[in-house]
Structure formats: structure tokens, C-alpha cells
Protein backbone atom coordinates (compact mmCIF):
# COMPACT_ATOMS: atom_id res chain seq x y z
CA MET A 1 -28.40 10.71 -17.08
CA ALA A 2 -25.11 11.69 -18.65
CA ASP A 3 -22.85 13.95 -16.64
CA THR A 4 -22.63 17.30 -18.39
CA SER A 5 -20.69 19.33 -15.82
CA ARG A 6 -17.37 20.65 -17.03
CA VAL A 7 -14.27 22.08 -15.45
CA SER A 8 -13.05 25.47 -16.64
CA VAL A 9 -9.60 24.77 -18.05
CA GLY A 10 -7.42 27.17 -20.02
CA THR A 11 -5.59 26.06 -23.13
CA TRP A 12 -1.94 25.16 -23.55
CA ARG A 13 -1.64 28.10 -25.93
CA ASP A 14 -2.89 30.38 -23.16
CA LEU A 15 -0.40 28.96 -20.63
CA LEU A 16 2.55 29.11 -23.03
CA GLY A 17 1.54 32.32 -24.76
CA ALA A 18 3.42 35.59 -24.39
CA PRO A 19 1.61 36.84 -21.23
CA HIS A 20 2.39 33.71 -19.19
CA LEU A 21 5.39 32.17 -20.96
CA GLY A 22 7.98 33.72 -18.63
CA ALA A 23 6.21 32.60 -15.46
CA SER A 24 5.63 29.12 -16.86
CA THR A 25 9.30 28.82 -17.81
CA VAL A 26 10.53 29.83 -14.37
CA LEU A 27 8.06 27.61 -12.49
CA ALA A 28 8.85 24.57 -14.64
CA GLY A 29 12.56 25.37 -14.88
CA GLY A 30 13.11 25.42 -11.12
CA VAL A 31 11.59 21.97 -10.73
CA LEU A 32 13.57 20.74 -13.75
CA LEU A 33 16.83 21.91 -12.20
CA TYR A 34 16.06 20.07 -8.99
CA ALA A 35 14.84 16.86 -10.66
CA THR A 36 17.72 16.73 -13.12
CA ASN A 37 20.26 17.22 -10.35
CA GLU A 38 18.61 14.52 -8.23
CA PHE A 39 19.09 11.89 -10.95
CA LEU A 40 22.32 13.26 -12.42
CA THR A 41 24.55 11.56 -9.87
CA ILE A 42 23.16 8.09 -10.69
CA SER A 43 25.44 8.06 -13.73
CA LEU A 44 28.15 10.40 -12.44
CA MET A 45 29.13 8.84 -9.12
CA PRO A 46 31.27 5.93 -10.41
CA SER A 47 33.48 8.42 -12.25
CA ALA A 48 33.53 10.84 -9.32
CA VAL A 49 34.56 8.12 -6.84
CA ALA A 50 37.30 6.92 -9.18
CA ASP A 51 38.62 10.50 -9.31
CA ILE A 52 38.37 11.77 -5.73
CA GLY A 53 37.74 8.59 -3.71
CA GLY A 54 35.22 8.26 -0.89
CA GLN A 55 33.59 4.93 -1.74
CA ARG A 56 32.18 4.61 1.78
CA PHE A 57 30.17 7.83 1.26
CA TYR A 58 28.68 6.67 -2.05
CA ALA A 59 25.07 6.41 -0.79
CA TRP A 60 25.31 9.65 1.17
CA VAL A 61 25.57 11.71 -2.00
CA THR A 62 21.86 11.04 -2.48
CA THR A 63 20.97 10.91 1.22
CA VAL A 64 22.19 14.40 2.18
CA TYR A 65 20.62 15.87 -0.96
CA LEU A 66 17.25 14.37 -0.17
CA VAL A 67 17.24 15.24 3.53
CA ALA A 68 18.21 18.85 2.84
CA SER A 69 15.48 19.02 0.20
CA VAL A 70 12.79 17.76 2.57
CA ILE A 71 13.74 20.28 5.24
CA ALA A 72 14.00 23.21 2.83
CA ALA A 73 10.71 22.36 1.12
CA THR A 74 8.80 23.06 4.33
CA THR A 75 10.14 26.63 4.44
CA VAL A 76 8.58 27.52 1.09
CA HIS A 77 5.44 29.17 2.42
CA PRO A 78 7.03 31.38 5.13
CA LEU A 79 9.82 32.46 2.78
CA LEU A 80 7.31 33.21 0.04
CA MET A 81 5.23 35.33 2.41
CA ARG A 82 8.32 37.16 3.62
CA LEU A 83 10.21 37.73 0.36
CA GLY A 84 7.58 37.46 -2.36
CA PRO A 85 7.83 35.22 -5.47
CA ARG A 86 10.59 37.17 -7.20
CA TRP A 87 13.10 37.36 -4.36
CA ALA A 88 12.29 33.86 -3.10
CA TYR A 89 13.21 32.45 -6.51
CA LEU A 90 16.35 34.59 -6.83
CA SER A 91 17.51 33.49 -3.37
CA GLY A 92 16.94 29.82 -4.20
CA LEU A 93 18.70 30.06 -7.55
CA SER A 94 21.70 31.85 -6.04
CA VAL A 95 22.21 29.19 -3.37
CA PHE A 96 21.69 26.39 -5.92
CA ALA A 97 24.38 27.88 -8.17
CA ALA A 98 26.77 28.14 -5.22
CA GLY A 99 26.21 24.50 -4.29
CA SER A 100 26.67 23.36 -7.89
CA LEU A 101 29.89 25.32 -8.15
CA GLY A 102 31.13 23.68 -4.95
CA CYS A 103 30.40 20.22 -6.40
CA ALA A 104 32.19 21.08 -9.63
CA PHE A 105 35.42 22.03 -7.81
CA ALA A 106 35.23 19.58 -4.87
CA PRO A 107 38.67 17.96 -4.34
CA THR A 108 37.37 15.37 -1.86
CA MET A 109 34.17 13.42 -1.29
CA GLU A 110 33.59 15.24 2.01
CA LEU A 111 33.49 18.61 0.23
CA LEU A 112 31.31 17.14 -2.50
CA LEU A 113 28.82 16.16 0.21
CA VAL A 114 28.83 19.74 1.47
CA GLY A 115 28.02 20.97 -2.03
CA ARG A 116 25.28 18.37 -2.40
CA THR A 117 23.74 19.48 0.90
CA VAL A 118 23.65 23.10 -0.30
CA GLN A 119 22.22 21.96 -3.63
CA GLY A 120 19.54 19.94 -1.87
CA ALA A 121 18.45 22.81 0.36
CA ALA A 122 18.15 25.22 -2.57
CA GLY A 123 16.62 22.59 -4.83
CA GLY A 124 13.94 21.70 -2.31
CA LEU A 125 13.02 25.37 -2.13
CA LEU A 126 12.86 25.71 -5.92
CA ALA A 127 10.79 22.56 -6.31
CA GLY A 128 8.32 23.76 -3.68
CA LEU A 129 8.08 27.22 -5.20
CA GLY A 130 7.17 25.60 -8.52
CA TYR A 131 3.82 24.59 -7.03
CA ALA A 132 3.36 27.33 -4.43
CA VAL A 133 3.66 30.22 -6.91
CA ILE A 134 1.20 28.79 -9.44
CA ASN A 135 -1.84 30.35 -7.77
CA THR A 136 -0.01 33.69 -7.44
CA ALA A 137 1.57 34.05 -10.87
CA LEU A 138 -1.19 32.49 -12.99
CA PRO A 139 -5.00 32.75 -13.21
CA SER A 140 -7.06 29.91 -11.72
CA ARG A 141 -8.16 28.59 -15.13
CA LEU A 142 -4.53 27.66 -15.83
CA TRP A 143 -3.78 25.92 -12.53
CA THR A 144 -4.45 22.39 -13.79
CA ARG A 145 -2.31 22.77 -16.91
CA ALA A 146 0.39 24.59 -14.95
CA SER A 147 0.42 21.78 -12.38
CA ALA A 148 0.77 19.31 -15.25
CA LEU A 149 3.64 21.31 -16.76
CA VAL A 150 5.47 21.69 -13.45
CA SER A 151 5.06 18.09 -12.33
CA ALA A 152 5.97 16.85 -15.83
CA MET A 153 9.43 18.27 -15.16
CA TRP A 154 10.01 15.41 -12.73
CA GLY A 155 9.55 13.05 -15.64
CA VAL A 156 11.79 15.15 -17.84
CA GLY A 157 14.39 15.26 -15.06
CA THR A 158 14.49 11.49 -14.80
CA LEU A 159 15.12 11.44 -18.55
CA VAL A 160 17.72 14.20 -18.76
CA GLY A 161 19.52 13.46 -15.48
CA PRO A 162 20.76 9.88 -15.98
CA SER A 163 21.33 10.26 -19.72
CA ALA A 164 23.25 13.55 -19.41
CA GLY A 165 25.24 12.18 -16.47
CA GLY A 166 26.12 9.10 -18.49
CA LEU A 167 27.33 11.20 -21.40
CA PHE A 168 29.51 13.44 -19.19
CA ALA A 169 30.91 10.38 -17.39
CA GLN A 170 31.62 8.59 -20.65
CA PHE A 171 33.79 11.49 -21.79
CA GLY A 172 35.52 11.79 -18.40
CA SER A 173 34.04 15.21 -17.61
CA TRP A 174 31.84 14.60 -14.57
CA ARG A 175 32.72 18.01 -13.07
CA TRP A 176 31.36 19.78 -16.13
CA ALA A 177 27.93 18.29 -15.46
CA PHE A 178 27.72 20.49 -12.36
CA GLY A 179 29.28 23.39 -14.28
CA VAL A 180 26.46 23.27 -16.83
CA LEU A 181 23.96 23.42 -13.97
CA VAL A 182 25.59 26.67 -12.83
CA LEU A 183 25.17 28.18 -16.30
CA LEU A 184 21.53 27.11 -16.56
CA THR A 185 20.78 28.50 -13.11
CA ALA A 186 22.30 31.87 -14.02
CA ALA A 187 20.24 32.01 -17.22
CA MET A 188 17.02 31.39 -15.28
CA ALA A 189 17.90 34.02 -12.69
CA VAL A 190 18.07 36.61 -15.48
CA LEU A 191 14.49 35.75 -16.47
CA VAL A 192 12.97 35.89 -12.97
CA PRO A 193 12.63 39.71 -12.59
CA PHE A 194 10.67 39.87 -15.86
CA ALA A 195 8.47 36.83 -15.21
CA LEU A 196 7.38 36.90 -11.57
CA PRO A 197 5.74 39.53 -9.37
CA GLY A 198 7.66 41.08 -6.49
CA ARG A 199 6.31 41.71 -3.05
CA ASN A 200 2.66 42.49 -2.45
CA ASP A 201 2.72 46.27 -2.33
CA SER A 202 -1.00 46.52 -1.55
CA ALA A 203 -0.50 45.58 2.08
CA ASP A 204 0.25 48.55 4.33
CA ALA A 205 1.41 46.43 7.24
CA ASP A 206 4.93 45.24 7.84
CA PRO A 207 5.91 41.98 6.17
CA PRO A 208 4.89 38.96 8.25
CA ARG A 209 7.45 37.56 10.65
CA LEU A 210 9.28 34.56 9.23
CA ARG A 211 7.86 31.59 11.13
CA ILE A 212 9.28 28.16 10.39
CA PRO A 213 7.83 24.96 11.92
CA LEU A 214 11.11 23.90 13.49
CA ALA A 215 9.82 20.82 15.33
CA SER A 216 8.09 19.51 12.21
CA LEU A 217 11.21 20.20 10.16
CA LEU A 218 13.45 18.25 12.50
CA LEU A 219 11.05 15.32 12.59
CA LEU A 220 10.72 15.19 8.80
CA GLY A 221 14.47 15.38 8.36
CA ALA A 222 15.03 12.60 10.88
CA ALA A 223 12.41 10.39 9.23
CA ALA A 224 13.88 10.90 5.76
CA LEU A 225 17.39 10.20 7.06
CA ALA A 226 16.31 7.02 8.83
CA VAL A 227 14.51 5.64 5.78
CA SER A 228 17.31 6.64 3.40
CA MET A 229 19.80 4.79 5.60
CA ALA A 230 17.63 1.67 5.86
CA GLY A 231 18.93 0.19 2.62
CA ILE A 232 22.60 0.47 3.66
CA PRO A 233 23.04 -2.15 6.45
CA HIS A 234 23.43 -5.82 5.55
CA ASP A 235 21.84 -6.84 8.86
CA VAL A 236 18.10 -7.35 8.38
CA ARG A 237 17.43 -6.39 11.98
CA ALA A 238 19.17 -3.03 11.58
CA THR A 239 17.29 -2.38 8.35
CA ALA A 240 13.96 -3.20 9.96
CA ALA A 241 14.78 -1.02 12.94
CA LEU A 242 15.60 1.96 10.72
CA LEU A 243 12.40 1.54 8.71
CA ALA A 244 10.35 1.23 11.89
CA ALA A 245 12.06 4.31 13.30
CA GLY A 246 11.22 6.24 10.14
CA VAL A 247 7.55 5.26 10.32
CA ALA A 248 7.38 6.08 14.03
CA ILE A 249 8.93 9.50 13.48
CA VAL A 250 6.38 10.25 10.75
CA VAL A 251 3.57 9.35 13.16
CA VAL A 252 5.04 11.73 15.71
CA PHE A 253 5.37 14.38 12.99
CA VAL A 254 1.66 14.12 12.17
CA ALA A 255 0.74 14.51 15.84
CA VAL A 256 3.06 17.49 16.31
CA ASP A 257 2.16 19.21 13.05
CA ARG A 258 -1.55 18.88 13.76
CA ARG A 259 -1.20 20.87 16.97
CA ALA A 260 1.41 23.36 15.75
CA ALA A 261 0.48 27.01 15.29
CA VAL A 262 2.57 26.98 12.09
CA GLY A 263 2.75 23.59 10.45
CA VAL A 264 3.97 21.92 7.30
CA LEU A 265 0.52 20.66 6.32
CA PRO A 266 -2.57 22.90 6.19
CA PRO A 267 -5.17 22.41 8.97
CA SER A 268 -7.65 21.05 6.40
CA ALA A 269 -5.42 17.97 5.97
CA PHE A 270 -6.41 16.84 9.47
CA GLY A 271 -10.14 17.45 9.03
CA PRO A 272 -12.92 15.31 7.55
CA GLY A 273 -12.47 16.59 4.00
CA PRO A 274 -10.64 14.88 1.10
CA LEU A 275 -7.33 16.75 1.41
CA LYS A 276 -5.63 14.05 3.50
CA TRP A 277 -6.62 11.44 0.91
CA ILE A 278 -5.29 13.65 -1.89
CA TYR A 279 -1.90 13.84 -0.16
CA ALA A 280 -1.97 10.10 0.57
CA THR A 281 -2.61 9.32 -3.10
CA LEU A 282 0.15 11.66 -4.24
CA GLY A 283 2.54 10.04 -1.77
CA LEU A 284 1.80 6.44 -2.74
CA LEU A 285 2.06 7.18 -6.45
CA MET A 286 5.38 8.96 -5.94
CA ALA A 287 6.78 6.17 -3.76
CA ALA A 288 5.97 3.59 -6.44
CA THR A 289 8.06 5.45 -9.04
CA MET A 290 11.20 4.73 -7.02
CA VAL A 291 11.57 1.36 -8.77
CA ASP A 292 13.06 3.45 -11.56
CA MET A 293 16.22 3.90 -9.47
CA TYR A 294 17.23 0.33 -10.27
CA VAL A 295 16.16 0.14 -13.92
CA PRO A 296 19.62 1.14 -15.28
CA LEU A 297 21.32 -1.36 -12.95
CA PHE A 298 19.08 -4.28 -13.91
CA GLY A 299 19.18 -3.23 -17.54
CA GLN A 300 22.96 -3.72 -17.53
CA ARG A 301 22.96 -6.91 -15.48
CA LEU A 302 19.99 -8.75 -16.97
CA ALA A 303 19.82 -7.44 -20.54
CA GLY A 304 23.49 -6.63 -21.14
CA MET A 305 22.80 -2.96 -21.95
CA ALA A 306 25.62 -0.44 -22.20
CA PRO A 307 25.58 2.16 -19.37
CA VAL A 308 24.36 4.98 -21.60
CA VAL A 309 21.69 2.78 -23.18
CA ALA A 310 20.55 1.60 -19.74
CA GLY A 311 20.29 5.24 -18.65
CA PHE A 312 18.02 6.05 -21.55
CA PHE A 313 16.01 2.87 -20.91
CA GLY A 314 15.42 4.05 -17.36
CA ALA A 315 13.65 7.09 -18.79
CA VAL A 316 10.77 5.04 -20.26
CA LEU A 317 8.75 5.48 -17.06
CA SER A 318 9.24 9.23 -17.33
CA VAL A 319 7.97 9.23 -20.90
CA GLY A 320 4.77 7.58 -19.72
CA TRP A 321 4.49 10.04 -16.83
CA THR A 322 4.85 13.06 -19.08
CA GLY A 323 2.52 11.71 -21.77
CA GLY A 324 -0.12 10.77 -19.21
CA GLU A 325 -0.04 14.24 -17.66
CA ILE A 326 -0.34 16.09 -20.95
CA THR A 327 -3.26 13.91 -22.01
CA SER A 328 -5.06 13.95 -18.66
CA ALA A 329 -4.71 17.69 -18.18
CA SER A 330 -6.94 18.18 -21.24
CA LEU A 331 -9.87 16.32 -19.66
CA ARG A 332 -12.88 18.52 -18.92
CA ARG A 333 -15.76 16.33 -17.74
CA THR A 334 -15.85 16.04 -13.95
CA GLN A 335 -16.96 12.42 -14.01
CA THR A 336 -14.19 11.43 -16.40
CA ILE A 337 -11.58 13.20 -14.28
CA THR A 338 -12.69 11.55 -11.03
CA ARG A 339 -12.76 8.08 -12.60
CA THR A 340 -9.30 8.63 -14.08
CA VAL A 341 -7.83 9.65 -10.74
CA ALA A 342 -9.57 6.78 -8.93
CA VAL A 343 -8.06 4.05 -11.16
CA ALA A 344 -4.57 5.57 -11.40
CA PRO A 345 -3.04 3.35 -8.65
CA LEU A 346 -4.41 0.25 -10.38
CA VAL A 347 -2.86 1.37 -13.68
CA MET A 348 0.52 1.72 -11.97
CA ALA A 349 0.11 -1.67 -10.30
CA ALA A 350 -0.68 -3.26 -13.68
CA GLY A 351 2.44 -1.72 -15.21
CA LEU A 352 4.64 -2.95 -12.37
CA ALA A 353 3.12 -6.42 -12.67
CA ILE A 354 3.98 -6.49 -16.39
CA GLY A 355 7.53 -5.49 -15.48
CA MET A 356 7.72 -8.23 -12.87
CA PHE A 357 6.73 -10.98 -15.34
CA SER A 358 9.17 -9.73 -18.00
CA LEU A 359 12.32 -9.80 -15.86
CA HIS A 360 14.61 -12.80 -16.48
CA GLU A 361 18.27 -13.68 -16.48
CA ASP A 362 19.87 -13.03 -19.90
CA MET A 363 16.80 -11.18 -21.15
CA SER A 364 16.10 -11.29 -24.87
CA LEU A 365 15.02 -8.29 -26.91
CA GLY A 366 11.40 -9.40 -26.64
CA TRP A 367 11.43 -9.56 -22.85
CA ALA A 368 13.19 -6.17 -22.69
CA ALA A 369 10.48 -4.71 -24.94
CA LEU A 370 7.77 -6.08 -22.63
CA TRP A 371 9.61 -4.58 -19.65
CA ALA A 372 9.58 -1.23 -21.44
CA VAL A 373 5.81 -1.54 -21.92
CA GLY A 374 5.40 -2.17 -18.20
CA LEU A 375 7.48 0.89 -17.33
CA LEU A 376 5.50 3.00 -19.80
CA VAL A 377 2.19 1.91 -18.24
CA THR A 378 3.58 2.57 -14.76
CA GLY A 379 4.54 6.12 -15.69
CA THR A 380 1.18 6.70 -17.36
CA GLY A 381 -0.55 5.71 -14.12
CA ILE A 382 0.99 8.52 -12.10
CA GLY A 383 0.76 10.98 -15.00
CA ILE A 384 -3.01 10.70 -15.48
CA ALA A 385 -3.68 11.55 -11.82
CA TRP A 386 -0.96 13.99 -10.79
CA PRO A 387 -2.17 17.29 -12.36
CA HIS A 388 -5.70 16.89 -11.01
CA LEU A 389 -4.55 15.88 -7.54
CA SER A 390 -2.18 18.86 -7.46
CA ALA A 391 -4.95 21.27 -8.46
CA TRP A 392 -7.36 19.73 -5.93
CA ALA A 393 -4.80 20.12 -3.15
CA MET A 394 -4.73 23.88 -3.80
CA SER A 395 -8.50 24.32 -3.85
CA ARG A 396 -10.09 21.70 -1.58
CA VAL A 397 -9.31 23.41 1.69
CA ASP A 398 -11.66 24.61 4.42
CA ASP A 399 -10.22 28.13 4.34
CA PRO A 400 -9.07 29.75 1.05
CA ALA A 401 -6.19 31.31 2.99
CA GLU A 402 -4.74 27.81 3.35
CA GLY A 403 -4.26 27.58 -0.43
CA PRO A 404 -0.55 28.56 -0.51
CA VAL A 405 0.28 26.22 2.39
CA ALA A 406 -1.61 23.38 0.71
CA ALA A 407 0.23 24.02 -2.55
CA ALA A 408 3.64 24.09 -0.88
CA ALA A 409 2.83 20.86 0.96
CA ILE A 410 2.51 19.02 -2.37
CA ASN A 411 6.27 19.09 -2.81
CA THR A 412 6.91 18.14 0.81
CA VAL A 413 4.67 15.08 0.48
CA GLN A 414 6.35 14.21 -2.82
CA LEU A 415 9.85 14.37 -1.32
CA ILE A 416 9.16 12.52 1.91
CA CYS A 417 7.26 9.73 0.15
CA GLY A 418 10.01 9.52 -2.46
CA ALA A 419 12.44 9.02 0.43
CA PHE A 420 10.32 6.20 1.84
CA GLY A 421 10.02 4.62 -1.60
CA ALA A 422 13.77 4.83 -2.18
CA GLY A 423 14.48 3.30 1.22
CA LEU A 424 12.02 0.47 0.66
CA ALA A 425 13.47 -0.21 -2.80
CA GLY A 426 16.95 -0.50 -1.32
CA VAL A 427 15.72 -2.85 1.38
CA VAL A 428 13.96 -5.15 -1.10
CA VAL A 429 16.90 -5.34 -3.51
CA ASN A 430 19.37 -5.96 -0.71
CA LEU A 431 17.35 -8.87 0.72
CA THR A 432 19.06 -11.29 -1.68
CA ASP A 433 22.35 -9.36 -1.87
CA ALA A 434 22.75 -10.74 -5.41
CA GLY A 435 21.14 -8.11 -7.62
CA ASN A 436 19.79 -10.78 -9.97
CA ALA A 437 16.44 -11.37 -11.71
CA ALA A 438 14.87 -12.69 -8.51
CA ALA A 439 15.66 -9.42 -6.71
CA ALA A 440 14.30 -7.40 -9.64
CA ARG A 441 11.05 -9.38 -9.73
CA LEU A 442 10.63 -9.05 -5.98
CA LEU A 443 11.14 -5.29 -6.22
CA PHE A 444 8.43 -4.87 -8.84
CA ALA A 445 6.05 -7.25 -7.02
CA VAL A 446 6.35 -5.43 -3.68
CA PHE A 447 5.76 -2.03 -5.25
CA ALA A 448 2.83 -3.31 -7.33
CA ALA A 449 1.15 -4.52 -4.14
CA LEU A 450 1.99 -1.26 -2.34
CA VAL A 451 0.54 1.07 -4.97
CA ALA A 452 -2.55 -1.11 -5.49
CA THR A 453 -3.60 -0.27 -1.92
CA GLY A 454 -3.66 3.38 -3.00
CA VAL A 455 -6.99 2.86 -4.77
CA ILE A 456 -8.65 3.37 -1.37
CA ALA A 457 -7.08 6.82 -1.02
CA SER A 458 -7.58 7.78 -4.68
CA THR A 459 -11.29 6.94 -4.53
CA ARG A 460 -11.79 9.00 -1.41
CA SER A 461 -9.73 11.89 -2.75
CA CYS A 462 -12.34 12.38 -5.49
CA ARG A 463 -14.99 13.40 -2.96
CA ARG A 464 -15.78 17.08 -2.77
CA PRO A 465 -15.72 18.77 0.67
CA HIS A 466 -19.12 19.55 2.13
């Protein structure tokens, strides 16, 4: 018999109509600021180092940003409960603007790292709020489309970040890239009071005490730092030790968080239901996208692309991600949705395999076009699954009260798995220390095999809790 059950999904016109346009803009805009800033420095750093020095801290510009983001993302739920959506967003935007201003005027690399740390802390908060406030600011029928809109900003950020950074660097104005971020942040802050609700005035009790899972935070930060550093050493033994340390710390984090009174992950993630598999699928898909970090580099070395062109070429994966999300968010049949989510890791693996076979020394236009097809398929793979997995994470909990925690944990899982993916990518590329076609093919092959194993988690994530 044909499956006739349907999921109640609002329309894009409803989400982007006058009643919800302000909230949608703020939720998506916060994630866009964070994602754009994360990828902005890929194109900016050569110019910045030539201006203020600090070559030995080159990798740390990304490392400190990511670690601060991971730590800050876990404070989303307690801050949201304490301050409410409006003041939580205004606080995050204010700190983000201050960090961006510090980067714009930094006279040395050390002070630039301070600014990047502040940016990362505020950006992690904004990115987490983008998911956590969906079920507060919008009706449930719009959650899937709102999740698609918010998560699509990661794809947009990977497009805007490298290309905008390349343009600013090309004209010798790398500081102005951070200055523009300050202006955009201020514009969004003006919109927040009109778009988001304030505190919950219906409660007659005092606001809840701000409780932050400190032990879990420290463990997550240490794990992200260890994995981010793993690609730096030239000694294979040191690299392996750092990766092993990162994995071991994550195992300890799971054990500690499971027993904590206030944890990063909701209690349902440790139960028999599908929530743990939903997070695992989200994490594997996100980790596999980290191959995109090296697309501009290999585009210049193997295909002879100009830096700006290579930056735009690196956005092909993001185009597939965004297109896949917009298309998949319109699905209504339950059976179609579950099958789409289940095969998503295999779609990504197929795209990465196409990319692996297309990479050669002195690539012709035809091989570059095939590489672009592989990147497009890879992005489509994560895009078709992400909005549904995000919506499931908010709803498939044992206790409805866990919904906000489950929503905030989406961003934490995304950041920590992105850190692992970035570290693994650096390790694979540095194995040959040549940065040639062999290293590029190995990178795509390893990540294709990694994400293919995610079909186990994606299949199990489709199960409904009893």
C-alpha cells in the first residue's frame, strides 16, 4: 500500500511573510555572520600576515576562533533561559561587534588572535541561538523550513566568506573586511527588538539561575583544541597522539555529560531513542564538508586558477548544500523524507568519489568541470538531510522540556564535528607534505569512506521513538 501520511509543513511565503520576516532575518543573519567570518580569513590571512607579521600563528587564527565557538555554543540554553531571546541576541551581537572592531584595528598578530577569540565566543553563541530560538519565535509548522533557512546560511557563508575575503585582499583592504562585519552586526542589532520576544513575563518566579556545564565545556574545548592542532606537526607520531587525545577526551566528555545535572546534550541523547543517531548523522555529514577548506588551494595548484576564481570555485559545494536544503524542505511524505535522509551519506560519498577521480596534475577544463560536479553532489548530500535532521532533533526527545536543549545541541555537534573534520583534513593533506594531486585524491578518498559509514546512523535516525 502506498504511504499517504504527510508532515504538516508551512510555506516559504508564510515563513518569509510580514509576521515572521523579522524573526527569520535575525535567526538566519546571526548564523550568516558567524559562517561568513569563519571562512573570511581563508582569503584574508596572507595579506594580514604580510602587513602585521606573525607567520607562526597563521593556523591559530582559525584554531582560537573554533575553540571559543565550541565553548560558547554550549552556553546557549542557560543564557537563553536567563536573558530571553531578545537580550541573548543583543548580547551576542554586541560582543561580536567588539571582537570584529578589535580585528580591524589589530597592530600585531597577538592582538588579532584576541579579537578572533572574542569573535568566536560571540559567533558560537549567535550560531547556537539561530537553532535554539526557532521553536520559541516561530510556530511548529515552520520549524522544518526555518531549520533549512538557518542551516542554509552555512552554505551561503562558505560562498560569501572566501570570495569577499579575496576581493578585500586583492584591493589591499583586509582590515575593512572586519569593518564591514561591524556595520552588518549593528544593522542586525537594530532589528532584534522588533523581531524577537523578550523575557517570558508569564512566569511569576525569579529567573532561573545561570547554570553552565563547566566540566563538559572544558572537555569539549580541550578536544577541539587537540584536533585542531593535529594537522600542525610534521611528526606523524605527534599528529597521531593529538588525534588520539582528541578522541579520548570526547569519550570522557560523553561519560561526564551523561551524568551531569546540567549537560550539553539532552538526556534523551543517551537513551534508546533515535536522538543519538540524529546527532551522529549531523556530525558525520558536517565533518565531510571540511574537504572544502582545501578546494581553493588545490584549485590554484592543480588547475592554475587565480585566487579569486579559486575562492568562488570553493563555493560550489555550498551551492549544492543550499539547493538541496531548499528542495528537501518542501518534501511532505513521511516515507520520502525518511528515505532521503537515509541515503544522504551515500550521496555525499558519491560526490567525493567523483571529486577524487577528477583530480590530476595540470587539470584541464574538463577535469575541473567534473570536479565541480562532484562538489555539487557532495553539497547536495548534506543539504537534503540537514533540515529534517534538525527538526527531528528538536522534537524526538523523551521529555518536551528537553526541546530547547536538543535544539541548542545541534550547533554544538556541528562545531565539534567540524573541528574533527578540519583536523583530519589537515592530517591527510600533510601526510605527503607536497600538496599535489596525490594528496588531494587521498583527502577526497578518506572522507568518502568516512561519510559512507554514516549510512548506519542515518538509517537509524529515521526511526521514531516508542
